[in-house]
Amino acid sequence: MFSVEVVRSGRALVLGLSGELDHESVVQFHEASDTAVTETSRSAFTGPYGTAFTGPSAAVVTTDADADATWGGAPTLVVADCSRLLFCDSSGIGAFVRLYQRLLPHGAVLRVAAPPASVRRAFSLTGLDGPIPVHPTVDEALVRTVGHDLLDDLTAGTRPRTAGEGRRG
């Protein structure tokens, strides 16, 4: 069985994928990522770990104290945590491409973390590991490796800088 857990903190969003992502389950991935990224069809409740927003296929949990302020914009970074992904066919790879294409016009970044060897190989063979970087862990995917910590940008509510842009002063 396939499932998606969506955790949001600041402007970062982590999609925790579990099970088999294939032609039968890819719709769940689309629904969860669409809901999380576009912030539609949500209802809120407060629990011991923060405020959760539920959509058609996933629970979105924010860990920040001020959930309304945190939720007030599209994510700047989306990390697909594949550490519990057992299988991914071409439909699943296509779902990553679709999500990447939806985020790109908004300046958001998609990264893949901890994929099984077969998914890592598919990303490498197709060249997707260029536009969609693959990282060994979620923590490494959340930290930009070109000289600054992306979490600084996320918590400040700014878009990630490109290689040609300087640091804030």
N, C-alpha and C. Protein backbone atom coordinates (compact mmCIF):
# COMPACT_ATOMS: atom_id res chain seq x y z
N MET A 1 0.84 -1.18 0.00
CA MET A 1 0.00 0.00 0.00
C MET A 1 0.89 1.25 0.00
N PHE A 2 0.49 2.25 -0.75
CA PHE A 2 1.24 3.50 -0.87
C PHE A 2 0.59 4.57 0.00
N SER A 3 1.43 5.41 0.62
CA SER A 3 0.91 6.54 1.39
C SER A 3 1.90 7.70 1.31
N VAL A 4 1.37 8.90 1.58
CA VAL A 4 2.18 10.11 1.59
C VAL A 4 1.90 10.85 2.89
N GLU A 5 2.96 11.20 3.60
CA GLU A 5 2.85 12.05 4.78
C GLU A 5 3.53 13.36 4.41
N VAL A 6 2.85 14.47 4.63
CA VAL A 6 3.37 15.77 4.26
C VAL A 6 3.63 16.57 5.53
N VAL A 7 4.88 16.96 5.73
CA VAL A 7 5.25 17.75 6.90
C VAL A 7 5.79 19.09 6.41
N ARG A 8 5.26 20.15 7.00
CA ARG A 8 5.66 21.50 6.59
C ARG A 8 6.18 22.28 7.79
N SER A 9 7.30 22.94 7.58
CA SER A 9 7.86 23.82 8.58
C SER A 9 8.43 25.02 7.85
N GLY A 10 7.92 26.19 8.15
CA GLY A 10 8.33 27.38 7.42
C GLY A 10 7.92 27.24 5.96
N ARG A 11 8.84 27.53 5.07
CA ARG A 11 8.55 27.44 3.65
C ARG A 11 9.03 26.12 3.05
N ALA A 12 9.44 25.16 3.89
CA ALA A 12 9.88 23.85 3.42
C ALA A 12 8.76 22.84 3.58
N LEU A 13 8.70 21.91 2.65
CA LEU A 13 7.69 20.87 2.65
C LEU A 13 8.40 19.54 2.40
N VAL A 14 8.14 18.54 3.26
CA VAL A 14 8.72 17.22 3.07
C VAL A 14 7.59 16.24 2.80
N LEU A 15 7.68 15.57 1.64
CA LEU A 15 6.70 14.54 1.28
C LEU A 15 7.31 13.19 1.63
N GLY A 16 6.79 12.54 2.66
CA GLY A 16 7.27 11.22 3.07
C GLY A 16 6.53 10.15 2.30
N LEU A 17 7.22 9.49 1.38
CA LEU A 17 6.59 8.48 0.53
C LEU A 17 6.85 7.09 1.10
N SER A 18 5.79 6.29 1.19
CA SER A 18 5.91 4.93 1.73
C SER A 18 5.21 3.96 0.80
N GLY A 19 5.82 2.80 0.60
CA GLY A 19 5.19 1.75 -0.20
C GLY A 19 5.64 1.77 -1.64
N GLU A 20 4.73 1.39 -2.53
CA GLU A 20 5.04 1.27 -3.96
C GLU A 20 4.38 2.39 -4.75
N LEU A 21 5.20 3.20 -5.41
CA LEU A 21 4.71 4.29 -6.25
C LEU A 21 4.69 3.77 -7.69
N ASP A 22 3.48 3.43 -8.16
CA ASP A 22 3.34 2.86 -9.50
C ASP A 22 2.10 3.43 -10.17
N HIS A 23 1.73 2.86 -11.30
CA HIS A 23 0.60 3.39 -12.08
C HIS A 23 -0.71 3.38 -11.30
N GLU A 24 -0.85 2.51 -10.31
CA GLU A 24 -2.07 2.46 -9.51
C GLU A 24 -2.07 3.49 -8.39
N SER A 25 -0.91 3.81 -7.85
CA SER A 25 -0.84 4.71 -6.69
C SER A 25 -0.41 6.14 -7.05
N VAL A 26 -0.01 6.37 -8.28
CA VAL A 26 0.51 7.68 -8.66
C VAL A 26 -0.53 8.78 -8.46
N VAL A 27 -1.80 8.45 -8.56
CA VAL A 27 -2.86 9.44 -8.34
C VAL A 27 -2.81 9.97 -6.91
N GLN A 28 -2.52 9.10 -5.94
CA GLN A 28 -2.38 9.54 -4.55
C GLN A 28 -1.23 10.53 -4.40
N PHE A 29 -0.13 10.26 -5.08
CA PHE A 29 1.01 11.17 -5.04
C PHE A 29 0.63 12.53 -5.63
N HIS A 30 -0.05 12.51 -6.78
CA HIS A 30 -0.50 13.76 -7.41
C HIS A 30 -1.43 14.54 -6.48
N GLU A 31 -2.41 13.86 -5.90
CA GLU A 31 -3.37 14.54 -5.03
C GLU A 31 -2.69 15.15 -3.82
N ALA A 32 -1.81 14.38 -3.19
CA ALA A 32 -1.13 14.87 -1.98
C ALA A 32 -0.22 16.05 -2.31
N SER A 33 0.56 15.92 -3.38
CA SER A 33 1.48 17.02 -3.71
C SER A 33 0.72 18.24 -4.21
N ASP A 34 -0.35 18.03 -4.99
CA ASP A 34 -1.16 19.17 -5.45
C ASP A 34 -1.78 19.91 -4.28
N THR A 35 -2.35 19.17 -3.34
CA THR A 35 -2.98 19.78 -2.18
C THR A 35 -1.96 20.52 -1.33
N ALA A 36 -0.82 19.90 -1.09
CA ALA A 36 0.20 20.51 -0.26
C ALA A 36 0.80 21.75 -0.92
N VAL A 37 1.03 21.70 -2.21
CA VAL A 37 1.68 22.80 -2.91
C VAL A 37 0.72 23.95 -3.18
N THR A 38 -0.53 23.64 -3.53
CA THR A 38 -1.48 24.71 -3.86
C THR A 38 -2.32 25.14 -2.68
N GLU A 39 -2.23 24.42 -1.55
CA GLU A 39 -2.93 24.78 -0.32
C GLU A 39 -4.44 24.84 -0.49
N THR A 40 -5.01 23.93 -1.26
CA THR A 40 -6.46 23.88 -1.42
C THR A 40 -7.02 22.71 -0.65
N SER A 41 -8.32 22.74 -0.46
CA SER A 41 -9.05 21.64 0.16
C SER A 41 -8.46 21.23 1.50
N ARG A 42 -8.21 22.19 2.37
CA ARG A 42 -7.64 21.82 3.66
C ARG A 42 -8.58 22.20 4.79
N SER A 43 -8.54 21.41 5.80
CA SER A 43 -9.22 21.75 7.04
C SER A 43 -8.19 21.60 8.13
N ALA A 44 -8.32 22.33 9.20
CA ALA A 44 -7.27 22.36 10.20
C ALA A 44 -7.77 21.83 11.54
N PHE A 45 -6.86 21.20 12.27
CA PHE A 45 -7.11 20.86 13.66
C PHE A 45 -5.79 20.96 14.38
N THR A 46 -5.84 21.26 15.68
CA THR A 46 -4.62 21.42 16.45
C THR A 46 -4.44 20.20 17.34
N GLY A 47 -3.24 19.65 17.31
CA GLY A 47 -2.90 18.49 18.12
C GLY A 47 -1.64 18.78 18.91
N PRO A 48 -1.10 17.77 19.57
CA PRO A 48 0.06 17.98 20.43
C PRO A 48 1.33 18.37 19.68
N TYR A 49 1.41 18.10 18.38
CA TYR A 49 2.63 18.38 17.62
C TYR A 49 2.51 19.57 16.70
N GLY A 50 1.44 20.32 16.78
CA GLY A 50 1.26 21.47 15.91
C GLY A 50 -0.09 21.41 15.25
N THR A 51 -0.22 22.11 14.14
CA THR A 51 -1.47 22.15 13.42
C THR A 51 -1.37 21.28 12.18
N ALA A 52 -2.34 20.43 11.96
CA ALA A 52 -2.34 19.54 10.80
C ALA A 52 -3.40 20.00 9.83
N PHE A 53 -3.06 19.95 8.56
CA PHE A 53 -3.99 20.28 7.49
C PHE A 53 -4.22 19.02 6.70
N THR A 54 -5.46 18.61 6.56
CA THR A 54 -5.73 17.38 5.85
C THR A 54 -6.31 17.67 4.49
N GLY A 55 -5.93 16.87 3.53
CA GLY A 55 -6.44 16.97 2.17
C GLY A 55 -6.91 15.61 1.73
N PRO A 56 -7.12 15.40 0.43
CA PRO A 56 -7.67 14.14 -0.05
C PRO A 56 -6.82 12.92 0.27
N SER A 57 -5.49 13.05 0.26
CA SER A 57 -4.66 11.85 0.41
C SER A 57 -3.55 11.97 1.43
N ALA A 58 -3.49 13.06 2.16
CA ALA A 58 -2.36 13.22 3.06
C ALA A 58 -2.70 14.14 4.21
N ALA A 59 -1.93 14.00 5.26
CA ALA A 59 -2.00 14.94 6.37
C ALA A 59 -0.80 15.86 6.25
N VAL A 60 -1.01 17.14 6.36
CA VAL A 60 0.06 18.12 6.30
C VAL A 60 0.23 18.67 7.71
N VAL A 61 1.39 18.50 8.27
CA VAL A 61 1.63 18.92 9.64
C VAL A 61 2.69 20.01 9.65
N THR A 62 2.37 21.12 10.29
CA THR A 62 3.37 22.17 10.46
C THR A 62 3.82 22.17 11.91
N THR A 63 5.11 22.32 12.11
CA THR A 63 5.65 22.26 13.47
C THR A 63 5.90 23.64 14.04
N ASP A 64 5.60 24.69 13.29
CA ASP A 64 5.83 26.04 13.78
C ASP A 64 4.74 26.47 14.74
N ALA A 65 5.08 27.37 15.66
CA ALA A 65 4.12 27.86 16.65
C ALA A 65 2.97 28.61 16.00
N ASP A 66 3.25 29.41 14.99
CA ASP A 66 2.20 30.18 14.34
C ASP A 66 1.86 29.53 13.01
N ALA A 67 0.96 28.56 13.03
CA ALA A 67 0.65 27.78 11.85
C ALA A 67 0.04 28.63 10.74
N ASP A 68 -0.79 29.59 11.07
CA ASP A 68 -1.42 30.40 10.03
C ASP A 68 -0.38 31.20 9.26
N ALA A 69 0.58 31.78 9.96
CA ALA A 69 1.62 32.55 9.29
C ALA A 69 2.51 31.64 8.45
N THR A 70 2.80 30.44 8.98
CA THR A 70 3.64 29.49 8.26
C THR A 70 2.96 29.05 6.98
N TRP A 71 1.68 28.83 7.04
CA TRP A 71 0.96 28.28 5.90
C TRP A 71 0.71 29.33 4.84
N GLY A 72 1.03 30.59 5.12
CA GLY A 72 0.65 31.68 4.25
C GLY A 72 1.43 31.82 2.96
N GLY A 73 1.89 30.79 2.34
CA GLY A 73 2.54 30.91 1.05
C GLY A 73 2.97 29.57 0.53
N ALA A 74 3.23 29.53 -0.76
CA ALA A 74 3.68 28.30 -1.39
C ALA A 74 5.05 27.93 -0.87
N PRO A 75 5.36 26.64 -0.84
CA PRO A 75 6.68 26.23 -0.35
C PRO A 75 7.78 26.69 -1.29
N THR A 76 8.95 26.97 -0.72
CA THR A 76 10.13 27.35 -1.47
C THR A 76 10.95 26.11 -1.81
N LEU A 77 10.85 25.11 -0.96
CA LEU A 77 11.58 23.86 -1.12
C LEU A 77 10.65 22.69 -0.85
N VAL A 78 10.65 21.71 -1.74
CA VAL A 78 9.91 20.46 -1.53
C VAL A 78 10.92 19.33 -1.59
N VAL A 79 10.96 18.53 -0.53
CA VAL A 79 11.85 17.37 -0.47
C VAL A 79 10.99 16.12 -0.47
N ALA A 80 11.25 15.23 -1.42
CA ALA A 80 10.57 13.94 -1.46
C ALA A 80 11.42 12.94 -0.69
N ASP A 81 10.96 12.58 0.51
CA ASP A 81 11.66 11.61 1.35
C ASP A 81 11.29 10.22 0.87
N CYS A 82 12.21 9.55 0.21
CA CYS A 82 11.96 8.24 -0.38
C CYS A 82 12.52 7.10 0.47
N SER A 83 12.88 7.38 1.70
CA SER A 83 13.52 6.36 2.55
C SER A 83 12.62 5.16 2.81
N ARG A 84 11.30 5.32 2.71
CA ARG A 84 10.37 4.20 2.92
C ARG A 84 9.69 3.78 1.61
N LEU A 85 10.22 4.25 0.49
CA LEU A 85 9.69 3.89 -0.82
C LEU A 85 10.26 2.53 -1.20
N LEU A 86 9.38 1.57 -1.48
CA LEU A 86 9.82 0.23 -1.80
C LEU A 86 10.04 0.03 -3.29
N PHE A 87 9.28 0.77 -4.12
CA PHE A 87 9.33 0.56 -5.56
C PHE A 87 8.82 1.82 -6.24
N CYS A 88 9.34 2.11 -7.43
CA CYS A 88 8.88 3.25 -8.21
C CYS A 88 9.01 2.90 -9.68
N ASP A 89 7.89 2.87 -10.41
CA ASP A 89 7.95 2.58 -11.83
C ASP A 89 8.00 3.88 -12.63
N SER A 90 7.87 3.80 -13.95
CA SER A 90 7.96 4.98 -14.80
C SER A 90 6.86 5.99 -14.51
N SER A 91 5.70 5.52 -14.05
CA SER A 91 4.62 6.45 -13.67
C SER A 91 5.04 7.30 -12.48
N GLY A 92 5.74 6.67 -11.54
CA GLY A 92 6.24 7.40 -10.38
C GLY A 92 7.30 8.40 -10.76
N ILE A 93 8.21 8.01 -11.65
CA ILE A 93 9.24 8.94 -12.13
C ILE A 93 8.56 10.12 -12.82
N GLY A 94 7.52 9.83 -13.61
CA GLY A 94 6.76 10.89 -14.26
C GLY A 94 6.10 11.82 -13.27
N ALA A 95 5.69 11.29 -12.12
CA ALA A 95 5.07 12.12 -11.08
C ALA A 95 6.07 13.10 -10.50
N PHE A 96 7.32 12.67 -10.34
CA PHE A 96 8.37 13.59 -9.88
C PHE A 96 8.58 14.70 -10.90
N VAL A 97 8.60 14.34 -12.18
CA VAL A 97 8.79 15.34 -13.24
C VAL A 97 7.63 16.33 -13.22
N ARG A 98 6.41 15.82 -13.08
CA ARG A 98 5.22 16.70 -13.04
C ARG A 98 5.31 17.68 -11.88
N LEU A 99 5.70 17.19 -10.69
CA LEU A 99 5.82 18.06 -9.53
C LEU A 99 6.92 19.10 -9.76
N TYR A 100 8.05 18.68 -10.30
CA TYR A 100 9.14 19.60 -10.62
C TYR A 100 8.64 20.71 -11.56
N GLN A 101 7.90 20.33 -12.59
CA GLN A 101 7.39 21.31 -13.56
C GLN A 101 6.38 22.26 -12.93
N ARG A 102 5.62 21.81 -11.95
CA ARG A 102 4.66 22.68 -11.26
C ARG A 102 5.37 23.67 -10.35
N LEU A 103 6.49 23.28 -9.77
CA LEU A 103 7.22 24.14 -8.84
C LEU A 103 8.10 25.16 -9.56
N LEU A 104 8.66 24.78 -10.69
CA LEU A 104 9.64 25.59 -11.41
C LEU A 104 9.20 27.03 -11.68
N PRO A 105 7.99 27.27 -12.22
CA PRO A 105 7.60 28.66 -12.51
C PRO A 105 7.49 29.55 -11.26
N HIS A 106 7.40 28.94 -10.09
CA HIS A 106 7.26 29.68 -8.84
C HIS A 106 8.59 29.85 -8.12
N GLY A 107 9.67 29.39 -8.74
CA GLY A 107 10.99 29.51 -8.13
C GLY A 107 11.24 28.52 -7.02
N ALA A 108 10.39 27.52 -6.88
CA ALA A 108 10.56 26.52 -5.83
C ALA A 108 11.49 25.41 -6.31
N VAL A 109 12.10 24.74 -5.36
CA VAL A 109 13.08 23.70 -5.63
C VAL A 109 12.53 22.35 -5.19
N LEU A 110 12.73 21.32 -6.02
CA LEU A 110 12.38 19.95 -5.66
C LEU A 110 13.66 19.16 -5.51
N ARG A 111 13.77 18.42 -4.40
CA ARG A 111 14.90 17.53 -4.16
C ARG A 111 14.38 16.18 -3.72
N VAL A 112 15.12 15.14 -4.05
CA VAL A 112 14.78 13.77 -3.66
C VAL A 112 15.78 13.35 -2.61
N ALA A 113 15.29 12.71 -1.55
CA ALA A 113 16.16 12.27 -0.46
C ALA A 113 16.00 10.78 -0.19
N ALA A 114 17.11 10.11 0.03
CA ALA A 114 17.19 8.73 0.46
C ALA A 114 16.40 7.75 -0.41
N PRO A 115 16.55 7.84 -1.74
CA PRO A 115 15.81 6.90 -2.58
C PRO A 115 16.46 5.52 -2.57
N PRO A 116 15.67 4.47 -2.81
CA PRO A 116 16.28 3.15 -2.96
C PRO A 116 17.17 3.15 -4.21
N ALA A 117 18.06 2.20 -4.30
CA ALA A 117 19.04 2.14 -5.39
C ALA A 117 18.38 2.17 -6.77
N SER A 118 17.25 1.50 -6.91
CA SER A 118 16.59 1.46 -8.23
C SER A 118 16.08 2.84 -8.65
N VAL A 119 15.58 3.62 -7.71
CA VAL A 119 15.09 4.96 -8.02
C VAL A 119 16.28 5.89 -8.31
N ARG A 120 17.32 5.78 -7.52
CA ARG A 120 18.53 6.57 -7.75
C ARG A 120 19.08 6.29 -9.15
N ARG A 121 19.09 5.02 -9.52
CA ARG A 121 19.59 4.63 -10.85
C ARG A 121 18.71 5.20 -11.96
N ALA A 122 17.39 5.14 -11.79
CA ALA A 122 16.47 5.69 -12.80
C ALA A 122 16.69 7.19 -12.96
N PHE A 123 16.88 7.91 -11.87
CA PHE A 123 17.15 9.35 -11.94
C PHE A 123 18.47 9.61 -12.66
N SER A 124 19.47 8.79 -12.40
CA SER A 124 20.77 8.96 -13.03
C SER A 124 20.71 8.64 -14.53
N LEU A 125 20.10 7.52 -14.90
CA LEU A 125 20.02 7.11 -16.30
C LEU A 125 19.23 8.09 -17.16
N THR A 126 18.20 8.68 -16.59
CA THR A 126 17.36 9.61 -17.35
C THR A 126 17.88 11.04 -17.31
N GLY A 127 18.88 11.30 -16.47
CA GLY A 127 19.41 12.65 -16.34
C GLY A 127 18.60 13.54 -15.42
N LEU A 128 17.62 12.98 -14.74
CA LEU A 128 16.78 13.77 -13.83
C LEU A 128 17.52 14.21 -12.59
N ASP A 129 18.63 13.55 -12.27
CA ASP A 129 19.38 13.94 -11.08
C ASP A 129 20.10 15.28 -11.27
N GLY A 130 20.01 15.86 -12.47
CA GLY A 130 20.51 17.22 -12.69
C GLY A 130 19.51 18.25 -12.21
N PRO A 131 18.32 18.30 -12.84
CA PRO A 131 17.33 19.28 -12.40
C PRO A 131 16.67 18.94 -11.06
N ILE A 132 16.62 17.66 -10.71
CA ILE A 132 16.05 17.23 -9.43
C ILE A 132 17.16 16.53 -8.65
N PRO A 133 17.90 17.28 -7.84
CA PRO A 133 19.02 16.69 -7.12
C PRO A 133 18.59 15.57 -6.18
N VAL A 134 19.44 14.54 -6.11
CA VAL A 134 19.20 13.39 -5.24
C VAL A 134 20.21 13.45 -4.10
N HIS A 135 19.70 13.37 -2.86
CA HIS A 135 20.55 13.46 -1.67
C HIS A 135 20.40 12.20 -0.84
N PRO A 136 21.44 11.83 -0.08
CA PRO A 136 21.37 10.60 0.71
C PRO A 136 20.41 10.68 1.91
N THR A 137 20.17 11.88 2.44
CA THR A 137 19.27 12.02 3.59
C THR A 137 18.38 13.26 3.42
N VAL A 138 17.31 13.31 4.18
CA VAL A 138 16.43 14.48 4.17
C VAL A 138 17.19 15.69 4.69
N ASP A 139 17.96 15.52 5.75
CA ASP A 139 18.71 16.65 6.31
C ASP A 139 19.65 17.26 5.27
N GLU A 140 20.33 16.42 4.51
CA GLU A 140 21.22 16.94 3.48
C GLU A 140 20.45 17.61 2.35
N ALA A 141 19.26 17.13 2.05
CA ALA A 141 18.43 17.76 1.01
C ALA A 141 17.94 19.13 1.46
N LEU A 142 17.78 19.32 2.76
CA LEU A 142 17.31 20.59 3.28
C LEU A 142 18.42 21.64 3.35
N VAL A 143 19.66 21.22 3.28
CA VAL A 143 20.79 22.14 3.38
C VAL A 143 21.44 22.26 2.01
N ARG A 144 21.52 23.46 1.53
CA ARG A 144 22.13 23.74 0.23
C ARG A 144 23.64 23.57 0.34
N THR A 145 24.24 22.93 -0.64
CA THR A 145 25.67 22.61 -0.56
C THR A 145 26.55 23.61 -1.29
N VAL A 146 26.01 24.74 -1.75
CA VAL A 146 26.84 25.70 -2.48
C VAL A 146 27.16 26.92 -1.62
N GLY A 147 27.53 26.69 -0.38
CA GLY A 147 28.07 27.76 0.42
C GLY A 147 27.13 28.41 1.42
N HIS A 148 25.86 28.05 1.44
CA HIS A 148 25.00 28.59 2.48
C HIS A 148 23.89 27.61 2.79
N ASP A 149 23.27 27.85 3.89
CA ASP A 149 22.22 26.98 4.40
C ASP A 149 20.88 27.45 3.87
N LEU A 150 20.20 26.62 3.09
CA LEU A 150 18.91 26.98 2.52
C LEU A 150 17.89 27.24 3.62
N LEU A 151 18.07 26.63 4.77
CA LEU A 151 17.12 26.85 5.86
C LEU A 151 17.10 28.31 6.28
N ASP A 152 18.22 29.03 6.15
CA ASP A 152 18.23 30.47 6.44
C ASP A 152 17.23 31.19 5.53
N ASP A 153 17.24 30.86 4.25
CA ASP A 153 16.33 31.47 3.30
C ASP A 153 14.89 31.10 3.60
N LEU A 154 14.66 29.83 3.95
CA LEU A 154 13.30 29.36 4.17
C LEU A 154 12.67 30.04 5.38
N THR A 155 13.43 30.16 6.44
CA THR A 155 12.87 30.77 7.64
C THR A 155 12.72 32.27 7.48
N ALA A 156 13.52 32.86 6.60
CA ALA A 156 13.39 34.30 6.36
C ALA A 156 12.27 34.60 5.36
N GLY A 157 11.74 33.54 4.74
CA GLY A 157 10.63 33.72 3.81
C GLY A 157 11.05 34.23 2.44
N THR A 158 12.31 34.04 2.10
CA THR A 158 12.79 34.49 0.80
C THR A 158 12.98 33.30 -0.11
N ARG A 159 13.10 33.59 -1.40
CA ARG A 159 13.35 32.52 -2.35
C ARG A 159 14.83 32.14 -2.29
N PRO A 160 15.17 30.90 -2.66
CA PRO A 160 16.58 30.51 -2.68
C PRO A 160 17.35 31.35 -3.69
N ARG A 161 18.60 31.66 -3.36
CA ARG A 161 19.44 32.40 -4.28
C ARG A 161 20.01 31.47 -5.33
N THR A 162 20.24 32.01 -6.51
CA THR A 162 20.93 31.25 -7.54
C THR A 162 22.41 31.46 -7.40
N ALA A 163 23.20 30.71 -8.14
CA ALA A 163 24.65 30.76 -7.99
C ALA A 163 25.22 32.15 -8.22
N GLY A 164 24.61 32.96 -9.06
CA GLY A 164 25.14 34.28 -9.37
C GLY A 164 24.74 35.37 -8.41
N GLU A 165 23.86 35.08 -7.47
CA GLU A 165 23.40 36.09 -6.52
C GLU A 165 24.24 36.07 -5.26
N GLY A 166 24.39 37.22 -4.64
CA GLY A 166 25.17 37.33 -3.41
C GLY A 166 24.34 37.08 -2.17
N ARG A 167 25.03 37.00 -1.05
CA ARG A 167 24.36 36.83 0.25
C ARG A 167 23.69 38.14 0.64
N ARG A 168 22.67 37.99 1.49
CA ARG A 168 22.04 39.18 2.07
C ARG A 168 23.03 39.83 3.03
N GLY A 169 22.98 41.15 3.08
CA GLY A 169 23.94 41.82 3.95
C GLY A 169 23.39 42.32 5.15
